[in-house]
Amino acid sequence: MKTLAPIPVLAALASAACSPAPADTAPAETPATAAPAPAVPAPPATAPTVDPAFDAWVRDQVKDGGMPLQYAAATGPDGLGFAYLTGGDYCGSGGCVLLVARKTEAGFERVGRLTVVQTPVRVLDSRSHGLPDLAVGVAGGGAAPHEALVPFDGGRYASNPTVAPARPIEGAAPGQTLITDGTPKVTVRQ
């Protein structure tokens, strides 16, 4: 005949099976530093917040166009606002139009309408006639891609970065980048 173990002995055995290993037992190896969790992709860029008065000024400047239009906006020093227009009415093989406005008590006044501009658009530390010089990309039309310095003449910025008084930048030209290809755009017309 078979003898069964008393219940208290079974309970003790079950408890021992669930207890942690004695202290003299080597701990399990832990893996080396775990690989970092994959980065969460950034949300898609949304339309930038643009000064409503500047947006109204830009829309007034382009109201006669019929083709789709978007613009990248930025503000710079000295109350300057920049609108890089991207659309069929404002772009060609050499680049697009850059509007430059200065904020006044009455609103915005245009101080530049540059054609054949490529990004990036920068405001330089150097100044001409009281306002910062601009640096814009130039490419196409057989010209080697380069950055051009566009000075302010006291009334407006030169309209074409490929002719004087604009000139190619040689060497370092410290400044602040305002508009790149990745700058979010405001839609004016679809």
C-alpha atoms as a PDB file:
ATOM      1  CA  MET A   1       0.000   0.000   0.000  1.00  0.00           C
ATOM      2  CA  LYS A   2       1.157   3.455  -0.894  1.00  0.00           C
ATOM      3  CA  THR A   3       1.598   6.176   1.724  1.00  0.00           C
ATOM      4  CA  LEU A   4       0.775   9.773   0.836  1.00  0.00           C
ATOM      5  CA  ALA A   5       2.754  12.684   2.183  1.00  0.00           C
ATOM      6  CA  PRO A   6       0.949  14.791   4.709  1.00  0.00           C
ATOM      7  CA  ILE A   7      -0.569  18.028   3.379  1.00  0.00           C
ATOM      8  CA  PRO A   8       1.768  20.338   5.344  1.00  0.00           C
ATOM      9  CA  VAL A   9       4.761  18.708   3.621  1.00  0.00           C
ATOM     10  CA  LEU A  10       3.193  19.283   0.169  1.00  0.00           C
ATOM     11  CA  ALA A  11       2.519  22.935   1.023  1.00  0.00           C
ATOM     12  CA  ALA A  12       6.143  23.411   2.093  1.00  0.00           C
ATOM     13  CA  LEU A  13       7.419  21.846  -1.135  1.00  0.00           C
ATOM     14  CA  ALA A  14       5.141  24.058  -3.248  1.00  0.00           C
ATOM     15  CA  SER A  15       6.240  27.162  -1.355  1.00  0.00           C
ATOM     16  CA  ALA A  16       9.920  26.295  -1.832  1.00  0.00           C
ATOM     17  CA  ALA A  17       9.402  25.860  -5.578  1.00  0.00           C
ATOM     18  CA  CYS A  18       8.067  29.414  -5.846  1.00  0.00           C
ATOM     19  CA  SER A  19      10.664  31.036  -3.559  1.00  0.00           C
ATOM     20  CA  PRO A  20      13.677  32.932  -4.929  1.00  0.00           C
ATOM     21  CA  ALA A  21      16.974  31.084  -5.326  1.00  0.00           C
ATOM     22  CA  PRO A  22      19.256  30.969  -2.290  1.00  0.00           C
ATOM     23  CA  ALA A  23      21.809  33.809  -2.019  1.00  0.00           C
ATOM     24  CA  ASP A  24      24.771  31.649  -2.964  1.00  0.00           C
ATOM     25  CA  THR A  25      23.276  30.911  -6.400  1.00  0.00           C
ATOM     26  CA  ALA A  26      24.734  33.146  -9.186  1.00  0.00           C
ATOM     27  CA  PRO A  27      22.207  35.598 -10.639  1.00  0.00           C
ATOM     28  CA  ALA A  28      21.176  35.196 -14.241  1.00  0.00           C
ATOM     29  CA  GLU A  29      23.216  37.287 -16.655  1.00  0.00           C
ATOM     30  CA  THR A  30      21.579  40.528 -17.664  1.00  0.00           C
ATOM     31  CA  PRO A  31      21.905  41.555 -21.274  1.00  0.00           C
ATOM     32  CA  ALA A  32      24.283  44.353 -22.195  1.00  0.00           C
ATOM     33  CA  THR A  33      22.755  47.748 -22.690  1.00  0.00           C
ATOM     34  CA  ALA A  34      19.504  47.312 -24.509  1.00  0.00           C
ATOM     35  CA  ALA A  35      19.131  48.946 -27.897  1.00  0.00           C
ATOM     36  CA  PRO A  36      17.270  52.241 -27.632  1.00  0.00           C
ATOM     37  CA  ALA A  37      13.642  52.226 -28.612  1.00  0.00           C
ATOM     38  CA  PRO A  38      13.094  53.463 -32.154  1.00  0.00           C
ATOM     39  CA  ALA A  39      12.549  57.200 -32.316  1.00  0.00           C
ATOM     40  CA  VAL A  40       9.007  58.318 -32.814  1.00  0.00           C
ATOM     41  CA  PRO A  41       8.834  60.132 -36.144  1.00  0.00           C
ATOM     42  CA  ALA A  42       8.141  63.829 -35.896  1.00  0.00           C
ATOM     43  CA  PRO A  43       4.654  64.862 -36.894  1.00  0.00           C
ATOM     44  CA  PRO A  44       4.352  66.334 -40.376  1.00  0.00           C
ATOM     45  CA  ALA A  45       5.103  70.028 -40.606  1.00  0.00           C
ATOM     46  CA  THR A  46       2.044  72.178 -40.353  1.00  0.00           C
ATOM     47  CA  ALA A  47       1.410  75.602 -41.747  1.00  0.00           C
ATOM     48  CA  PRO A  48       3.467  78.137 -39.829  1.00  0.00           C
ATOM     49  CA  THR A  49       1.985  80.829 -37.670  1.00  0.00           C
ATOM     50  CA  VAL A  50       2.257  84.014 -39.694  1.00  0.00           C
ATOM     51  CA  ASP A  51       1.537  87.548 -38.519  1.00  0.00           C
ATOM     52  CA  PRO A  52      -2.036  88.087 -39.823  1.00  0.00           C
ATOM     53  CA  ALA A  53      -1.110  91.576 -41.047  1.00  0.00           C
ATOM     54  CA  PHE A  54       1.868  90.188 -42.992  1.00  0.00           C
ATOM     55  CA  ASP A  55      -0.275  87.378 -44.437  1.00  0.00           C
ATOM     56  CA  ALA A  56      -2.855  89.966 -45.586  1.00  0.00           C
ATOM     57  CA  TRP A  57      -0.075  92.065 -47.128  1.00  0.00           C
ATOM     58  CA  VAL A  58       1.341  89.042 -49.018  1.00  0.00           C
ATOM     59  CA  ARG A  59      -2.121  88.063 -50.266  1.00  0.00           C
ATOM     60  CA  ASP A  60      -2.692  91.621 -51.502  1.00  0.00           C
ATOM     61  CA  GLN A  61       0.639  91.522 -53.372  1.00  0.00           C
ATOM     62  CA  VAL A  62      -0.336  88.295 -55.203  1.00  0.00           C
ATOM     63  CA  LYS A  63      -4.095  88.787 -55.647  1.00  0.00           C
ATOM     64  CA  ASP A  64      -3.973  88.974 -59.448  1.00  0.00           C
ATOM     65  CA  GLY A  65      -2.406  85.556 -60.015  1.00  0.00           C
ATOM     66  CA  GLY A  66      -4.431  82.603 -61.163  1.00  0.00           C
ATOM     67  CA  MET A  67      -2.155  79.611 -60.609  1.00  0.00           C
ATOM     68  CA  PRO A  68      -1.683  77.659 -57.364  1.00  0.00           C
ATOM     69  CA  LEU A  69       0.468  79.507 -54.869  1.00  0.00           C
ATOM     70  CA  GLN A  70       2.113  78.844 -51.552  1.00  0.00           C
ATOM     71  CA  TYR A  71       4.675  80.857 -49.684  1.00  0.00           C
ATOM     72  CA  ALA A  72       7.241  80.242 -46.972  1.00  0.00           C
ATOM     73  CA  ALA A  73       7.324  83.078 -44.463  1.00  0.00           C
ATOM     74  CA  ALA A  74       9.944  84.284 -42.018  1.00  0.00           C
ATOM     75  CA  THR A  75      10.642  87.363 -39.975  1.00  0.00           C
ATOM     76  CA  GLY A  76      14.044  88.906 -39.549  1.00  0.00           C
ATOM     77  CA  PRO A  77      15.674  91.826 -37.787  1.00  0.00           C
ATOM     78  CA  ASP A  78      14.618  95.453 -38.244  1.00  0.00           C
ATOM     79  CA  GLY A  79      10.941  94.517 -38.658  1.00  0.00           C
ATOM     80  CA  LEU A  80      11.586  92.721 -41.967  1.00  0.00           C
ATOM     81  CA  GLY A  81       9.199  90.072 -43.250  1.00  0.00           C
ATOM     82  CA  PHE A  82      10.064  87.601 -46.020  1.00  0.00           C
ATOM     83  CA  ALA A  83       7.721  85.649 -48.304  1.00  0.00           C
ATOM     84  CA  TYR A  84       9.266  83.107 -50.673  1.00  0.00           C
ATOM     85  CA  LEU A  85       6.540  82.540 -53.288  1.00  0.00           C
ATOM     86  CA  THR A  86       6.302  79.068 -54.820  1.00  0.00           C
ATOM     87  CA  GLY A  87       3.876  78.615 -57.670  1.00  0.00           C
ATOM     88  CA  GLY A  88       3.615  78.792 -61.439  1.00  0.00           C
ATOM     89  CA  ASP A  89       3.077  82.550 -61.579  1.00  0.00           C
ATOM     90  CA  TYR A  90       6.173  83.206 -59.459  1.00  0.00           C
ATOM     91  CA  CYS A  91       8.730  80.510 -60.318  1.00  0.00           C
ATOM     92  CA  GLY A  92      10.828  79.699 -63.344  1.00  0.00           C
ATOM     93  CA  SER A  93      13.906  77.680 -64.170  1.00  0.00           C
ATOM     94  CA  GLY A  94      16.145  80.116 -62.260  1.00  0.00           C
ATOM     95  CA  GLY A  95      14.128  80.177 -59.066  1.00  0.00           C
ATOM     96  CA  CYS A  96      11.164  81.903 -57.452  1.00  0.00           C
ATOM     97  CA  VAL A  97      10.181  85.368 -56.219  1.00  0.00           C
ATOM     98  CA  LEU A  98      11.152  86.626 -52.764  1.00  0.00           C
ATOM     99  CA  LEU A  99       9.108  89.513 -51.359  1.00  0.00           C
ATOM    100  CA  VAL A 100      10.701  91.576 -48.598  1.00  0.00           C
ATOM    101  CA  ALA A 101       8.626  93.972 -46.514  1.00  0.00           C
ATOM    102  CA  ARG A 102       9.338  96.245 -43.581  1.00  0.00           C
ATOM    103  CA  LYS A 103       6.799  96.711 -40.818  1.00  0.00           C
ATOM    104  CA  THR A 104       5.704 100.303 -40.299  1.00  0.00           C
ATOM    105  CA  GLU A 105       3.060 101.949 -38.130  1.00  0.00           C
ATOM    106  CA  ALA A 106       0.691 101.818 -41.116  1.00  0.00           C
ATOM    107  CA  GLY A 107       1.318  98.123 -41.884  1.00  0.00           C
ATOM    108  CA  PHE A 108       3.931  96.676 -44.229  1.00  0.00           C
ATOM    109  CA  GLU A 109       5.764  98.369 -47.087  1.00  0.00           C
ATOM    110  CA  ARG A 110       7.635  96.542 -49.802  1.00  0.00           C
ATOM    111  CA  VAL A 111      11.395  97.036 -49.756  1.00  0.00           C
ATOM    112  CA  GLY A 112      12.236  94.261 -52.190  1.00  0.00           C
ATOM    113  CA  ARG A 113      10.927  91.953 -54.888  1.00  0.00           C
ATOM    114  CA  LEU A 114      13.739  89.648 -55.915  1.00  0.00           C
ATOM    115  CA  THR A 115      13.395  87.279 -58.858  1.00  0.00           C
ATOM    116  CA  VAL A 116      15.270  84.055 -59.671  1.00  0.00           C
ATOM    117  CA  VAL A 117      15.890  83.270 -56.006  1.00  0.00           C
ATOM    118  CA  GLN A 118      16.793  79.804 -54.776  1.00  0.00           C
ATOM    119  CA  THR A 119      16.832  78.757 -51.140  1.00  0.00           C
ATOM    120  CA  PRO A 120      18.319  79.144 -48.629  1.00  0.00           C
ATOM    121  CA  VAL A 121      17.407  82.745 -47.866  1.00  0.00           C
ATOM    122  CA  ARG A 122      19.609  84.275 -45.189  1.00  0.00           C
ATOM    123  CA  VAL A 123      19.945  87.603 -43.404  1.00  0.00           C
ATOM    124  CA  LEU A 124      23.614  88.494 -43.058  1.00  0.00           C
ATOM    125  CA  ASP A 125      25.383  90.245 -40.214  1.00  0.00           C
ATOM    126  CA  SER A 126      26.701  92.847 -42.710  1.00  0.00           C
ATOM    127  CA  ARG A 127      24.541  95.887 -43.494  1.00  0.00           C
ATOM    128  CA  SER A 128      24.070  98.364 -46.332  1.00  0.00           C
ATOM    129  CA  HIS A 129      22.303 101.709 -45.854  1.00  0.00           C
ATOM    130  CA  GLY A 130      20.902 100.689 -42.474  1.00  0.00           C
ATOM    131  CA  LEU A 131      19.399  97.259 -43.250  1.00  0.00           C
ATOM    132  CA  PRO A 132      20.980  93.812 -43.275  1.00  0.00           C
ATOM    133  CA  ASP A 133      22.354  92.394 -46.502  1.00  0.00           C
ATOM    134  CA  LEU A 134      20.592  89.289 -47.798  1.00  0.00           C
ATOM    135  CA  ALA A 135      22.128  86.071 -49.080  1.00  0.00           C
ATOM    136  CA  VAL A 136      20.142  83.959 -51.538  1.00  0.00           C
ATOM    137  CA  GLY A 137      20.871  80.894 -53.613  1.00  0.00           C
ATOM    138  CA  VAL A 138      21.520  81.324 -57.332  1.00  0.00           C
ATOM    139  CA  ALA A 139      21.474  78.464 -59.851  1.00  0.00           C
ATOM    140  CA  GLY A 140      20.343  77.742 -63.405  1.00  0.00           C
ATOM    141  CA  GLY A 141      20.826  79.618 -66.644  1.00  0.00           C
ATOM    142  CA  GLY A 142      24.329  78.234 -67.008  1.00  0.00           C
ATOM    143  CA  ALA A 143      25.555  79.831 -63.778  1.00  0.00           C
ATOM    144  CA  ALA A 144      27.454  77.683 -61.318  1.00  0.00           C
ATOM    145  CA  PRO A 145      25.335  77.338 -58.163  1.00  0.00           C
ATOM    146  CA  HIS A 146      26.403  79.873 -55.563  1.00  0.00           C
ATOM    147  CA  GLU A 147      25.157  82.226 -52.886  1.00  0.00           C
ATOM    148  CA  ALA A 148      24.728  85.893 -53.783  1.00  0.00           C
ATOM    149  CA  LEU A 149      24.883  88.913 -51.491  1.00  0.00           C
ATOM    150  CA  VAL A 150      21.972  91.281 -52.143  1.00  0.00           C
ATOM    151  CA  PRO A 151      22.470  94.736 -50.611  1.00  0.00           C
ATOM    152  CA  PHE A 152      19.874  97.340 -49.596  1.00  0.00           C
ATOM    153  CA  ASP A 153      20.397 100.613 -51.475  1.00  0.00           C
ATOM    154  CA  GLY A 154      18.547 102.877 -49.042  1.00  0.00           C
ATOM    155  CA  GLY A 155      15.170 102.399 -50.742  1.00  0.00           C
ATOM    156  CA  ARG A 156      14.971  98.748 -51.740  1.00  0.00           C
ATOM    157  CA  TYR A 157      16.876  95.512 -52.158  1.00  0.00           C
ATOM    158  CA  ALA A 158      18.315  94.776 -55.598  1.00  0.00           C
ATOM    159  CA  SER A 159      15.733  92.876 -57.660  1.00  0.00           C
ATOM    160  CA  ASN A 160      18.002  90.330 -59.337  1.00  0.00           C
ATOM    161  CA  PRO A 161      20.697  88.443 -57.427  1.00  0.00           C
ATOM    162  CA  THR A 162      22.568  87.647 -60.656  1.00  0.00           C
ATOM    163  CA  VAL A 163      23.451  91.246 -61.613  1.00  0.00           C
ATOM    164  CA  ALA A 164      25.136  94.206 -59.872  1.00  0.00           C
ATOM    165  CA  PRO A 165      24.875  95.510 -57.250  1.00  0.00           C
ATOM    166  CA  ALA A 166      24.302  91.907 -56.107  1.00  0.00           C
ATOM    167  CA  ARG A 167      27.474  89.849 -56.161  1.00  0.00           C
ATOM    168  CA  PRO A 168      28.652  86.308 -55.469  1.00  0.00           C
ATOM    169  CA  ILE A 169      29.682  85.697 -51.873  1.00  0.00           C
ATOM    170  CA  GLU A 170      33.278  84.660 -51.488  1.00  0.00           C
ATOM    171  CA  GLY A 171      34.437  83.290 -48.167  1.00  0.00           C
ATOM    172  CA  ALA A 172      32.480  83.364 -44.941  1.00  0.00           C
ATOM    173  CA  ALA A 173      29.318  85.430 -44.679  1.00  0.00           C
ATOM    174  CA  PRO A 174      27.932  85.062 -41.152  1.00  0.00           C
ATOM    175  CA  GLY A 175      24.215  85.397 -40.775  1.00  0.00           C
ATOM    176  CA  GLN A 176      20.943  83.696 -39.938  1.00  0.00           C
ATOM    177  CA  THR A 177      19.119  81.255 -42.221  1.00  0.00           C
ATOM    178  CA  LEU A 178      15.440  82.175 -42.488  1.00  0.00           C
ATOM    179  CA  ILE A 179      13.966  80.071 -45.303  1.00  0.00           C
ATOM    180  CA  THR A 180      15.024  76.653 -46.609  1.00  0.00           C
ATOM    181  CA  ASP A 181      13.390  74.064 -48.860  1.00  0.00           C
ATOM    182  CA  GLY A 182      11.951  72.511 -45.686  1.00  0.00           C
ATOM    183  CA  THR A 183      10.271  75.647 -44.345  1.00  0.00           C
ATOM    184  CA  PRO A 184       6.505  74.992 -44.013  1.00  0.00           C
ATOM    185  CA  LYS A 185       4.384  76.894 -46.507  1.00  0.00           C
ATOM    186  CA  VAL A 186       1.143  78.861 -46.277  1.00  0.00           C
ATOM    187  CA  THR A 187      -1.363  78.065 -49.025  1.00  0.00           C
ATOM    188  CA  VAL A 188      -2.844  81.082 -50.813  1.00  0.00           C
ATOM    189  CA  ARG A 189      -4.454  79.353 -53.816  1.00  0.00           C
ATOM    190  CA  GLN A 190      -4.852  75.687 -54.653  1.00  0.00           C
END
